[in-house]
Protein backbone atom coordinates (compact mmCIF):
# COMPACT_ATOMS: atom_id res chain seq x y z
CA UNK A 1 73.60 96.69 70.42
CA UNK A 2 74.78 99.96 68.82
CA UNK A 3 76.18 102.97 70.66
CA UNK A 4 73.58 105.13 69.25
CA UNK A 5 71.06 103.14 71.28
CA UNK A 6 72.41 104.22 74.42
CA UNK A 7 71.09 107.35 76.32
CA UNK A 8 74.30 108.90 77.26
CA UNK A 9 74.35 111.44 80.10
CA UNK A 10 75.65 115.11 79.92
CA UNK A 11 79.12 113.82 80.39
CA UNK A 12 78.87 111.22 77.65
CA UNK A 13 78.69 108.42 80.27
CA UNK A 14 76.37 105.49 81.17
CA UNK A 15 76.35 103.30 84.37
CA UNK A 16 77.37 99.73 83.54
CA UNK A 17 76.51 96.95 86.02
CA UNK A 18 78.60 93.78 85.81
CA UNK A 19 76.70 90.56 86.70
CA UNK A 20 78.12 86.94 86.98
CA UNK A 21 76.82 84.89 84.20
CA UNK A 22 76.72 81.78 86.38
CA UNK A 23 75.48 83.09 89.84
CA UNK A 24 73.76 86.11 88.73
CA UNK A 25 75.46 88.10 91.45
CA UNK A 26 75.93 91.75 90.81
CA UNK A 27 79.70 92.26 90.96
CA UNK A 28 80.37 95.92 90.29
CA UNK A 29 79.11 99.25 88.90
CA UNK A 30 81.26 101.50 86.75
CA UNK A 31 80.78 103.83 83.96
CA UNK A 32 81.33 103.53 80.35
CA UNK A 33 81.55 106.03 77.41
CA UNK A 34 81.44 105.45 73.78
CA UNK A 35 85.20 104.52 73.47
CA UNK A 36 84.99 102.15 76.43
CA UNK A 37 81.88 100.41 75.12
CA UNK A 38 83.52 100.19 71.84
CA UNK A 39 86.71 98.65 73.21
CA UNK A 40 84.60 96.28 75.33
CA UNK A 41 82.68 94.88 72.28
CA UNK A 42 85.97 94.79 70.21
CA UNK A 43 87.91 92.71 72.89
CA UNK A 44 85.45 90.96 75.18
CA UNK A 45 87.05 92.36 78.23
CA UNK A 46 84.95 94.84 80.25
CA UNK A 47 86.56 98.18 79.92
CA UNK A 48 85.26 101.23 81.60
CA UNK A 49 85.89 104.97 81.89
CA UNK A 50 87.46 106.34 85.00
CA UNK A 51 85.86 109.50 86.17
CA UNK A 52 88.59 110.19 88.56
CA UNK A 53 91.49 109.68 86.28
CA UNK A 54 89.82 110.62 83.10
CA UNK A 55 90.91 107.62 81.13
CA UNK A 56 89.96 104.15 79.95
CA UNK A 57 90.53 101.16 82.27
CA UNK A 58 90.13 97.45 81.60
CA UNK A 59 88.88 95.59 84.63
CA UNK A 60 91.83 93.28 85.30
CA UNK A 61 94.76 94.93 83.59
CA UNK A 62 96.69 95.23 86.93
CA UNK A 63 95.11 92.58 88.93
CA UNK A 64 94.61 89.90 86.36
CA UNK A 65 90.93 89.67 87.51
CA UNK A 66 89.27 90.17 84.06
CA UNK A 67 85.67 90.23 83.45
CA UNK A 68 85.01 88.56 80.20
CA UNK A 69 81.70 89.85 78.63
CA UNK A 70 79.36 87.45 77.32
CA UNK A 71 76.46 89.55 76.61
CA UNK A 72 75.51 93.27 76.89
CA UNK A 73 72.04 94.42 77.62
CA UNK A 74 70.52 97.82 78.15
CA UNK A 75 67.39 98.80 80.01
CA UNK A 76 64.05 100.20 78.57
CA UNK A 77 65.22 103.89 78.78
CA UNK A 78 68.68 103.03 77.23
CA UNK A 79 70.45 104.94 80.21
CA UNK A 80 72.04 101.96 81.95
CA UNK A 81 73.91 99.04 80.67
CA UNK A 82 74.22 95.37 82.23
CA UNK A 83 77.18 93.45 81.20
CA UNK A 84 76.93 89.67 81.68
CA UNK A 85 80.33 88.51 82.38
CA UNK A 86 82.34 85.49 83.25
CA UNK A 87 84.81 86.90 86.06
CA UNK A 88 88.27 85.68 86.30
CA UNK A 89 88.88 86.30 90.07
CA UNK A 90 87.31 88.58 92.50
CA UNK A 91 85.64 91.68 91.12
CA UNK A 92 86.35 94.07 93.96
CA UNK A 93 89.67 95.82 94.53
CA UNK A 94 89.41 94.81 98.09
CA UNK A 95 89.28 91.11 97.28
CA UNK A 96 85.75 90.37 97.83
CA UNK A 97 83.91 88.46 95.00
CA UNK A 98 81.55 91.52 94.77
CA UNK A 99 81.87 95.13 95.22
CA UNK A 100 78.47 94.82 96.95
CA UNK A 101 79.55 92.95 100.01
CA UNK A 102 78.34 95.45 102.89
CA UNK A 103 74.91 96.30 103.95
CA UNK A 104 73.64 99.82 104.93
CA UNK A 105 72.58 100.19 108.49
CA UNK A 106 73.48 96.69 109.62
């Protein structure tokens, strides 16, 4: 996949979903820009763009819970990425395996 195949939004970002390669569980959603996508491809570690801090961040750089990227897919419109990953520990900063551990309205 090449960066020019991605349909970046007006801020130069695209949502990126991380999915466990073994369980297929959705682990997290974050945003990538061209630089974070390039770093992810180069290093094999999921790297994202922090909209709040306005900087790149590699998942696991402080916690040790890296997401090792096995494959990157993109949807039919090119406006969302799917990272197939091997997680090294929980993906959520709360310690949960997935950031999607709560149900709305239940």
